[in-house]
Amino acid sequence: MHPARLSPLFSAAARLLGGAAAWLALASPAQAACDPALSASPQFSPQGCVFQNTANPGAQPSQPAWKIWSRFFAPSPPGTTPTDPI
């Protein structure tokens, strides 16, 4: 293409990109203020106005993946599965 022909294409692309950026800036929701009554909760996080659960201190560590998946390869012990459908 001739260099003089590229200039209108670039300016059109720049206008389109600028318009899209302005539209996205206007369309994004504004950060609303959090309800002050919620801030009394220990699980409430003011960043994003969300509740976050803390880690359970009494949770036991999980089993290794092989120990969990290997149960599916062996038949179930007798008396642990129902014989009739529920």
PDB file of N, CA and C in Angstrom:
ATOM      1  N   MET A   1       0.831  -1.186   0.000  1.00  0.00           N
ATOM      2  CA  MET A   1       0.000   0.000   0.000  1.00  0.00           C
ATOM      3  C   MET A   1       0.869   1.242   0.000  1.00  0.00           C
ATOM      4  N   HIS A   2       0.313   2.267  -0.539  1.00  0.00           N
ATOM      5  CA  HIS A   2       0.999   3.548  -0.574  1.00  0.00           C
ATOM      6  C   HIS A   2       0.977   4.156   0.827  1.00  0.00           C
ATOM      7  N   PRO A   3       2.099   4.801   1.279  1.00  0.00           N
ATOM      8  CA  PRO A   3       2.136   5.385   2.633  1.00  0.00           C
ATOM      9  C   PRO A   3       1.043   6.415   2.896  1.00  0.00           C
ATOM     10  N   ALA A   4       0.612   7.138   1.881  1.00  0.00           N
ATOM     11  CA  ALA A   4      -0.441   8.137   2.095  1.00  0.00           C
ATOM     12  C   ALA A   4      -1.778   7.459   2.380  1.00  0.00           C
ATOM     13  N   ARG A   5      -1.937   6.243   1.943  1.00  0.00           N
ATOM     14  CA  ARG A   5      -3.174   5.502   2.141  1.00  0.00           C
ATOM     15  C   ARG A   5      -3.248   4.905   3.559  1.00  0.00           C
ATOM     16  N   LEU A   6      -2.104   4.666   4.177  1.00  0.00           N
ATOM     17  CA  LEU A   6      -2.082   4.089   5.520  1.00  0.00           C
ATOM     18  C   LEU A   6      -2.567   5.080   6.574  1.00  0.00           C
ATOM     19  N   SER A   7      -2.326   6.337   6.392  1.00  0.00           N
ATOM     20  CA  SER A   7      -2.685   7.329   7.383  1.00  0.00           C
ATOM     21  C   SER A   7      -4.182   7.333   7.697  1.00  0.00           C
ATOM     22  N   PRO A   8      -5.091   7.342   6.707  1.00  0.00           N
ATOM     23  CA  PRO A   8      -6.516   7.298   7.049  1.00  0.00           C
ATOM     24  C   PRO A   8      -6.908   5.987   7.741  1.00  0.00           C
ATOM     25  N   LEU A   9      -6.274   4.886   7.357  1.00  0.00           N
ATOM     26  CA  LEU A   9      -6.591   3.618   8.016  1.00  0.00           C
ATOM     27  C   LEU A   9      -6.181   3.635   9.482  1.00  0.00           C
ATOM     28  N   PHE A  10      -4.999   4.179   9.751  1.00  0.00           N
ATOM     29  CA  PHE A  10      -4.541   4.234  11.136  1.00  0.00           C
ATOM     30  C   PHE A  10      -5.382   5.192  11.969  1.00  0.00           C
ATOM     31  N   SER A  11      -5.788   6.319  11.372  1.00  0.00           N
ATOM     32  CA  SER A  11      -6.599   7.258  12.145  1.00  0.00           C
ATOM     33  C   SER A  11      -7.993   6.670  12.418  1.00  0.00           C
ATOM     34  N   ALA A  12      -8.524   5.924  11.472  1.00  0.00           N
ATOM     35  CA  ALA A  12      -9.825   5.280  11.703  1.00  0.00           C
ATOM     36  C   ALA A  12      -9.708   4.221  12.792  1.00  0.00           C
ATOM     37  N   ALA A  13      -8.625   3.457  12.762  1.00  0.00           N
ATOM     38  CA  ALA A  13      -8.420   2.438  13.794  1.00  0.00           C
ATOM     39  C   ALA A  13      -8.224   3.083  15.165  1.00  0.00           C
ATOM     40  N   ALA A  14      -7.503   4.209  15.184  1.00  0.00           N
ATOM     41  CA  ALA A  14      -7.277   4.899  16.455  1.00  0.00           C
ATOM     42  C   ALA A  14      -8.587   5.453  17.002  1.00  0.00           C
ATOM     43  N   ARG A  15      -9.443   5.987  16.134  1.00  0.00           N
ATOM     44  CA  ARG A  15     -10.743   6.488  16.594  1.00  0.00           C
ATOM     45  C   ARG A  15     -11.616   5.354  17.109  1.00  0.00           C
ATOM     46  N   LEU A  16     -11.586   4.237  16.413  1.00  0.00           N
ATOM     47  CA  LEU A  16     -12.380   3.091  16.847  1.00  0.00           C
ATOM     48  C   LEU A  16     -11.885   2.566  18.186  1.00  0.00           C
ATOM     49  N   LEU A  17     -10.578   2.462  18.343  1.00  0.00           N
ATOM     50  CA  LEU A  17     -10.008   1.986  19.604  1.00  0.00           C
ATOM     51  C   LEU A  17     -10.297   2.965  20.740  1.00  0.00           C
ATOM     52  N   GLY A  18     -10.182   4.251  20.469  1.00  0.00           N
ATOM     53  CA  GLY A  18     -10.484   5.259  21.487  1.00  0.00           C
ATOM     54  C   GLY A  18     -11.945   5.236  21.893  1.00  0.00           C
ATOM     55  N   GLY A  19     -12.821   5.069  20.923  1.00  0.00           N
ATOM     56  CA  GLY A  19     -14.243   4.982  21.235  1.00  0.00           C
ATOM     57  C   GLY A  19     -14.575   3.759  22.065  1.00  0.00           C
ATOM     58  N   ALA A  20     -13.947   2.621  21.732  1.00  0.00           N
ATOM     59  CA  ALA A  20     -14.188   1.399  22.504  1.00  0.00           C
ATOM     60  C   ALA A  20     -13.674   1.550  23.934  1.00  0.00           C
ATOM     61  N   ALA A  21     -12.519   2.197  24.097  1.00  0.00           N
ATOM     62  CA  ALA A  21     -11.969   2.400  25.445  1.00  0.00           C
ATOM     63  C   ALA A  21     -12.873   3.319  26.260  1.00  0.00           C
ATOM     64  N   ALA A  22     -13.396   4.366  25.637  1.00  0.00           N
ATOM     65  CA  ALA A  22     -14.294   5.276  26.351  1.00  0.00           C
ATOM     66  C   ALA A  22     -15.596   4.566  26.729  1.00  0.00           C
ATOM     67  N   TRP A  23     -16.106   3.749  25.825  1.00  0.00           N
ATOM     68  CA  TRP A  23     -17.339   3.016  26.120  1.00  0.00           C
ATOM     69  C   TRP A  23     -17.126   2.051  27.283  1.00  0.00           C
ATOM     70  N   LEU A  24     -15.982   1.346  27.296  1.00  0.00           N
ATOM     71  CA  LEU A  24     -15.704   0.416  28.398  1.00  0.00           C
ATOM     72  C   LEU A  24     -15.541   1.150  29.720  1.00  0.00           C
ATOM     73  N   ALA A  25     -14.936   2.318  29.693  1.00  0.00           N
ATOM     74  CA  ALA A  25     -14.763   3.084  30.930  1.00  0.00           C
ATOM     75  C   ALA A  25     -16.108   3.541  31.480  1.00  0.00           C
ATOM     76  N   LEU A  26     -17.023   3.905  30.600  1.00  0.00           N
ATOM     77  CA  LEU A  26     -18.336   4.337  31.059  1.00  0.00           C
ATOM     78  C   LEU A  26     -19.221   3.167  31.459  1.00  0.00           C
ATOM     79  N   ALA A  27     -19.006   2.018  30.842  1.00  0.00           N
ATOM     80  CA  ALA A  27     -19.857   0.865  31.117  1.00  0.00           C
ATOM     81  C   ALA A  27     -19.459   0.125  32.384  1.00  0.00           C
ATOM     82  N   SER A  28     -18.226   0.303  32.853  1.00  0.00           N
ATOM     83  CA  SER A  28     -17.800  -0.431  34.043  1.00  0.00           C
ATOM     84  C   SER A  28     -18.494   0.146  35.271  1.00  0.00           C
ATOM     85  N   PRO A  29     -18.969  -0.734  36.158  1.00  0.00           N
ATOM     86  CA  PRO A  29     -19.693  -0.240  37.336  1.00  0.00           C
ATOM     87  C   PRO A  29     -18.748   0.462  38.312  1.00  0.00           C
ATOM     88  N   ALA A  30     -19.245   1.483  38.942  1.00  0.00           N
ATOM     89  CA  ALA A  30     -18.469   2.204  39.943  1.00  0.00           C
ATOM     90  C   ALA A  30     -18.464   1.403  41.246  1.00  0.00           C
ATOM     91  N   GLN A  31     -17.404   1.524  42.007  1.00  0.00           N
ATOM     92  CA  GLN A  31     -17.292   0.823  43.280  1.00  0.00           C
ATOM     93  C   GLN A  31     -18.223   1.492  44.286  1.00  0.00           C
ATOM     94  N   ALA A  32     -19.231   0.785  44.723  1.00  0.00           N
ATOM     95  CA  ALA A  32     -20.177   1.319  45.694  1.00  0.00           C
ATOM     96  C   ALA A  32     -19.589   1.197  47.101  1.00  0.00           C
ATOM     97  N   ALA A  33     -20.016   2.058  47.972  1.00  0.00           N
ATOM     98  CA  ALA A  33     -19.544   2.015  49.353  1.00  0.00           C
ATOM     99  C   ALA A  33     -20.136   0.793  50.055  1.00  0.00           C
ATOM    100  N   CYS A  34     -19.345   0.172  50.903  1.00  0.00           N
ATOM    101  CA  CYS A  34     -19.805  -1.005  51.641  1.00  0.00           C
ATOM    102  C   CYS A  34     -20.747  -0.570  52.767  1.00  0.00           C
ATOM    103  N   ASP A  35     -21.655  -1.452  53.110  1.00  0.00           N
ATOM    104  CA  ASP A  35     -22.586  -1.193  54.205  1.00  0.00           C
ATOM    105  C   ASP A  35     -21.802  -1.190  55.512  1.00  0.00           C
ATOM    106  N   PRO A  36     -21.865  -0.124  56.304  1.00  0.00           N
ATOM    107  CA  PRO A  36     -21.096  -0.073  57.553  1.00  0.00           C
ATOM    108  C   PRO A  36     -21.513  -1.130  58.561  1.00  0.00           C
ATOM    109  N   ALA A  37     -22.733  -1.640  58.475  1.00  0.00           N
ATOM    110  CA  ALA A  37     -23.179  -2.665  59.420  1.00  0.00           C
ATOM    111  C   ALA A  37     -22.439  -3.984  59.182  1.00  0.00           C
ATOM    112  N   LEU A  38     -21.968  -4.207  57.953  1.00  0.00           N
ATOM    113  CA  LEU A  38     -21.264  -5.454  57.653  1.00  0.00           C
ATOM    114  C   LEU A  38     -19.836  -5.463  58.170  1.00  0.00           C
ATOM    115  N   SER A  39     -19.241  -4.300  58.356  1.00  0.00           N
ATOM    116  CA  SER A  39     -17.841  -4.232  58.756  1.00  0.00           C
ATOM    117  C   SER A  39     -17.606  -4.748  60.175  1.00  0.00           C
ATOM    118  N   ALA A  40     -18.647  -4.958  60.962  1.00  0.00           N
ATOM    119  CA  ALA A  40     -18.486  -5.495  62.310  1.00  0.00           C
ATOM    120  C   ALA A  40     -18.179  -6.987  62.295  1.00  0.00           C
ATOM    121  N   SER A  41     -18.444  -7.648  61.187  1.00  0.00           N
ATOM    122  CA  SER A  41     -18.201  -9.089  61.093  1.00  0.00           C
ATOM    123  C   SER A  41     -16.717  -9.362  60.880  1.00  0.00           C
ATOM    124  N   PRO A  42     -16.145 -10.361  61.597  1.00  0.00           N
ATOM    125  CA  PRO A  42     -14.732 -10.676  61.393  1.00  0.00           C
ATOM    126  C   PRO A  42     -14.455 -11.300  60.033  1.00  0.00           C
ATOM    127  N   GLN A  43     -15.474 -11.855  59.364  1.00  0.00           N
ATOM    128  CA  GLN A  43     -15.270 -12.463  58.055  1.00  0.00           C
ATOM    129  C   GLN A  43     -15.373 -11.446  56.923  1.00  0.00           C
ATOM    130  N   PHE A  44     -15.794 -10.222  57.217  1.00  0.00           N
ATOM    131  CA  PHE A  44     -16.011  -9.228  56.168  1.00  0.00           C
ATOM    132  C   PHE A  44     -14.697  -8.604  55.747  1.00  0.00           C
ATOM    133  N   SER A  45     -14.498  -8.505  54.437  1.00  0.00           N
ATOM    134  CA  SER A  45     -13.312  -7.864  53.882  1.00  0.00           C
ATOM    135  C   SER A  45     -13.747  -6.608  53.130  1.00  0.00           C
ATOM    136  N   PRO A  46     -13.266  -5.439  53.537  1.00  0.00           N
ATOM    137  CA  PRO A  46     -13.686  -4.215  52.849  1.00  0.00           C
ATOM    138  C   PRO A  46     -13.190  -4.127  51.411  1.00  0.00           C
ATOM    139  N   GLN A  47     -12.133  -4.873  51.049  1.00  0.00           N
ATOM    140  CA  GLN A  47     -11.676  -4.888  49.663  1.00  0.00           C
ATOM    141  C   GLN A  47     -12.672  -5.710  48.855  1.00  0.00           C
ATOM    142  N   GLY A  48     -13.507  -5.066  48.104  1.00  0.00           N
ATOM    143  CA  GLY A  48     -14.487  -5.746  47.288  1.00  0.00           C
ATOM    144  C   GLY A  48     -15.803  -6.000  47.993  1.00  0.00           C
ATOM    145  N   CYS A  49     -15.934  -5.624  49.245  1.00  0.00           N
ATOM    146  CA  CYS A  49     -17.165  -5.813  50.021  1.00  0.00           C
ATOM    147  C   CYS A  49     -17.631  -7.265  49.990  1.00  0.00           C
ATOM    148  N   VAL A  50     -16.762  -8.183  50.350  1.00  0.00           N
ATOM    149  CA  VAL A  50     -17.086  -9.608  50.316  1.00  0.00           C
ATOM    150  C   VAL A  50     -16.803 -10.235  51.680  1.00  0.00           C
ATOM    151  N   PHE A  51     -17.401 -11.396  51.907  1.00  0.00           N
ATOM    152  CA  PHE A  51     -17.128 -12.182  53.109  1.00  0.00           C
ATOM    153  C   PHE A  51     -16.121 -13.262  52.752  1.00  0.00           C
ATOM    154  N   GLN A  52     -15.138 -13.465  53.624  1.00  0.00           N
ATOM    155  CA  GLN A  52     -14.121 -14.488  53.418  1.00  0.00           C
ATOM    156  C   GLN A  52     -14.053 -15.362  54.656  1.00  0.00           C
ATOM    157  N   ASN A  53     -14.211 -16.665  54.442  1.00  0.00           N
ATOM    158  CA  ASN A  53     -14.105 -17.591  55.556  1.00  0.00           C
ATOM    159  C   ASN A  53     -12.637 -17.872  55.842  1.00  0.00           C
ATOM    160  N   THR A  54     -12.303 -17.888  57.113  1.00  0.00           N
ATOM    161  CA  THR A  54     -10.929 -18.199  57.496  1.00  0.00           C
ATOM    162  C   THR A  54     -10.730 -19.710  57.441  1.00  0.00           C
ATOM    163  N   ALA A  55      -9.500 -20.133  57.441  1.00  0.00           N
ATOM    164  CA  ALA A  55      -9.199 -21.563  57.404  1.00  0.00           C
ATOM    165  C   ALA A  55      -9.672 -22.233  58.686  1.00  0.00           C
ATOM    166  N   ASN A  56     -10.168 -23.466  58.573  1.00  0.00           N
ATOM    167  CA  ASN A  56     -10.638 -24.219  59.722  1.00  0.00           C
ATOM    168  C   ASN A  56      -9.427 -24.778  60.471  1.00  0.00           C
ATOM    169  N   PRO A  57      -9.194 -24.356  61.704  1.00  0.00           N
ATOM    170  CA  PRO A  57      -8.020 -24.854  62.423  1.00  0.00           C
ATOM    171  C   PRO A  57      -8.154 -26.328  62.810  1.00  0.00           C
ATOM    172  N   GLY A  58      -9.386 -26.858  62.861  1.00  0.00           N
ATOM    173  CA  GLY A  58      -9.579 -28.253  63.239  1.00  0.00           C
ATOM    174  C   GLY A  58      -9.608 -29.201  62.054  1.00  0.00           C
ATOM    175  N   ALA A  59      -9.404 -28.689  60.848  1.00  0.00           N
ATOM    176  CA  ALA A  59      -9.469 -29.544  59.658  1.00  0.00           C
ATOM    177  C   ALA A  59      -8.265 -30.481  59.618  1.00  0.00           C
ATOM    178  N   GLN A  60      -8.540 -31.728  59.341  1.00  0.00           N
ATOM    179  CA  GLN A  60      -7.477 -32.719  59.238  1.00  0.00           C
ATOM    180  C   GLN A  60      -6.832 -32.630  57.852  1.00  0.00           C
ATOM    181  N   PRO A  61      -5.563 -32.980  57.747  1.00  0.00           N
ATOM    182  CA  PRO A  61      -4.947 -32.967  56.425  1.00  0.00           C
ATOM    183  C   PRO A  61      -5.583 -34.021  55.530  1.00  0.00           C
ATOM    184  N   SER A  62      -5.650 -33.738  54.251  1.00  0.00           N
ATOM    185  CA  SER A  62      -6.287 -34.672  53.328  1.00  0.00           C
ATOM    186  C   SER A  62      -5.359 -35.857  53.043  1.00  0.00           C
ATOM    187  N   GLN A  63      -5.937 -36.897  52.506  1.00  0.00           N
ATOM    188  CA  GLN A  63      -5.188 -38.101  52.177  1.00  0.00           C
ATOM    189  C   GLN A  63      -4.457 -37.908  50.851  1.00  0.00           C
ATOM    190  N   PRO A  64      -3.385 -38.674  50.638  1.00  0.00           N
ATOM    191  CA  PRO A  64      -2.717 -38.611  49.338  1.00  0.00           C
ATOM    192  C   PRO A  64      -3.661 -39.091  48.236  1.00  0.00           C
ATOM    193  N   ALA A  65      -3.443 -38.612  47.034  1.00  0.00           N
ATOM    194  CA  ALA A  65      -4.323 -38.934  45.913  1.00  0.00           C
ATOM    195  C   ALA A  65      -4.381 -40.440  45.655  1.00  0.00           C
ATOM    196  N   TRP A  66      -3.251 -41.141  45.765  1.00  0.00           N
ATOM    197  CA  TRP A  66      -3.250 -42.578  45.480  1.00  0.00           C
ATOM    198  C   TRP A  66      -4.137 -43.335  46.479  1.00  0.00           C
ATOM    199  N   LYS A  67      -4.126 -42.939  47.739  1.00  0.00           N
ATOM    200  CA  LYS A  67      -4.943 -43.615  48.746  1.00  0.00           C
ATOM    201  C   LYS A  67      -6.430 -43.435  48.442  1.00  0.00           C
ATOM    202  N   ILE A  68      -6.817 -42.273  47.949  1.00  0.00           N
ATOM    203  CA  ILE A  68      -8.221 -42.033  47.620  1.00  0.00           C
ATOM    204  C   ILE A  68      -8.612 -42.807  46.377  1.00  0.00           C
ATOM    205  N   TRP A  69      -7.833 -42.711  45.294  1.00  0.00           N
ATOM    206  CA  TRP A  69      -8.197 -43.322  44.020  1.00  0.00           C
ATOM    207  C   TRP A  69      -8.043 -44.828  44.021  1.00  0.00           C
ATOM    208  N   SER A  70      -7.164 -45.364  44.840  1.00  0.00           N
ATOM    209  CA  SER A  70      -6.969 -46.811  44.848  1.00  0.00           C
ATOM    210  C   SER A  70      -8.191 -47.546  45.407  1.00  0.00           C
ATOM    211  N   ARG A  71      -9.041 -46.838  46.157  1.00  0.00           N
ATOM    212  CA  ARG A  71     -10.264 -47.472  46.672  1.00  0.00           C
ATOM    213  C   ARG A  71     -11.211 -47.874  45.551  1.00  0.00           C
ATOM    214  N   PHE A  72     -11.156 -47.198  44.424  1.00  0.00           N
ATOM    215  CA  PHE A  72     -12.055 -47.503  43.317  1.00  0.00           C
ATOM    216  C   PHE A  72     -11.604 -48.729  42.530  1.00  0.00           C
ATOM    217  N   PHE A  73     -10.344 -49.122  42.657  1.00  0.00           N
ATOM    218  CA  PHE A  73      -9.827 -50.266  41.901  1.00  0.00           C
ATOM    219  C   PHE A  73     -10.139 -51.592  42.573  1.00  0.00           C
ATOM    220  N   ALA A  74     -10.329 -51.589  43.854  1.00  0.00           N
ATOM    221  CA  ALA A  74     -10.610 -52.825  44.598  1.00  0.00           C
ATOM    222  C   ALA A  74     -12.115 -52.937  44.836  1.00  0.00           C
ATOM    223  N   PRO A  75     -12.636 -54.166  44.925  1.00  0.00           N
ATOM    224  CA  PRO A  75     -14.073 -54.313  45.213  1.00  0.00           C
ATOM    225  C   PRO A  75     -14.378 -53.832  46.633  1.00  0.00           C
ATOM    226  N   SER A  76     -15.617 -53.413  46.824  1.00  0.00           N
ATOM    227  CA  SER A  76     -16.036 -52.936  48.144  1.00  0.00           C
ATOM    228  C   SER A  76     -16.142 -54.109  49.108  1.00  0.00           C
ATOM    229  N   PRO A  77     -15.802 -53.915  50.369  1.00  0.00           N
ATOM    230  CA  PRO A  77     -15.949 -54.987  51.355  1.00  0.00           C
ATOM    231  C   PRO A  77     -17.410 -55.397  51.482  1.00  0.00           C
ATOM    232  N   PRO A  78     -17.677 -56.669  51.804  1.00  0.00           N
ATOM    233  CA  PRO A  78     -19.067 -57.115  51.934  1.00  0.00           C
ATOM    234  C   PRO A  78     -19.794 -56.364  53.049  1.00  0.00           C
ATOM    235  N   GLY A  79     -21.057 -56.068  52.800  1.00  0.00           N
ATOM    236  CA  GLY A  79     -21.870 -55.391  53.803  1.00  0.00           C
ATOM    237  C   GLY A  79     -21.759 -53.876  53.774  1.00  0.00           C
ATOM    238  N   THR A  80     -20.981 -53.343  52.852  1.00  0.00           N
ATOM    239  CA  THR A  80     -20.835 -51.881  52.812  1.00  0.00           C
ATOM    240  C   THR A  80     -21.620 -51.246  51.675  1.00  0.00           C
ATOM    241  N   THR A  81     -22.158 -52.037  50.775  1.00  0.00           N
ATOM    242  CA  THR A  81     -22.972 -51.513  49.678  1.00  0.00           C
ATOM    243  C   THR A  81     -24.368 -52.090  49.740  1.00  0.00           C
ATOM    244  N   PRO A  82     -25.401 -51.343  49.401  1.00  0.00           N
ATOM    245  CA  PRO A  82     -26.758 -51.884  49.454  1.00  0.00           C
ATOM    246  C   PRO A  82     -26.970 -52.935  48.345  1.00  0.00           C
ATOM    247  N   THR A  83     -27.704 -53.962  48.686  1.00  0.00           N
ATOM    248  CA  THR A  83     -27.983 -55.028  47.711  1.00  0.00           C
ATOM    249  C   THR A  83     -29.182 -54.660  46.856  1.00  0.00           C
ATOM    250  N   ASP A  84     -30.139 -53.904  47.392  1.00  0.00           N
ATOM    251  CA  ASP A  84     -31.323 -53.494  46.661  1.00  0.00           C
ATOM    252  C   ASP A  84     -31.253 -51.998  46.402  1.00  0.00           C
ATOM    253  N   PRO A  85     -31.821 -51.581  45.286  1.00  0.00           N
ATOM    254  CA  PRO A  85     -31.841 -50.136  45.056  1.00  0.00           C
ATOM    255  C   PRO A  85     -32.729 -49.436  46.084  1.00  0.00           C
ATOM    256  N   ILE A  86     -32.394 -48.239  46.390  1.00  0.00           N
ATOM    257  CA  ILE A  86     -33.146 -47.468  47.393  1.00  0.00           C
ATOM    258  C   ILE A  86     -34.401 -46.906  46.765  1.00  0.00           C
TER     259      ILE A  86
END
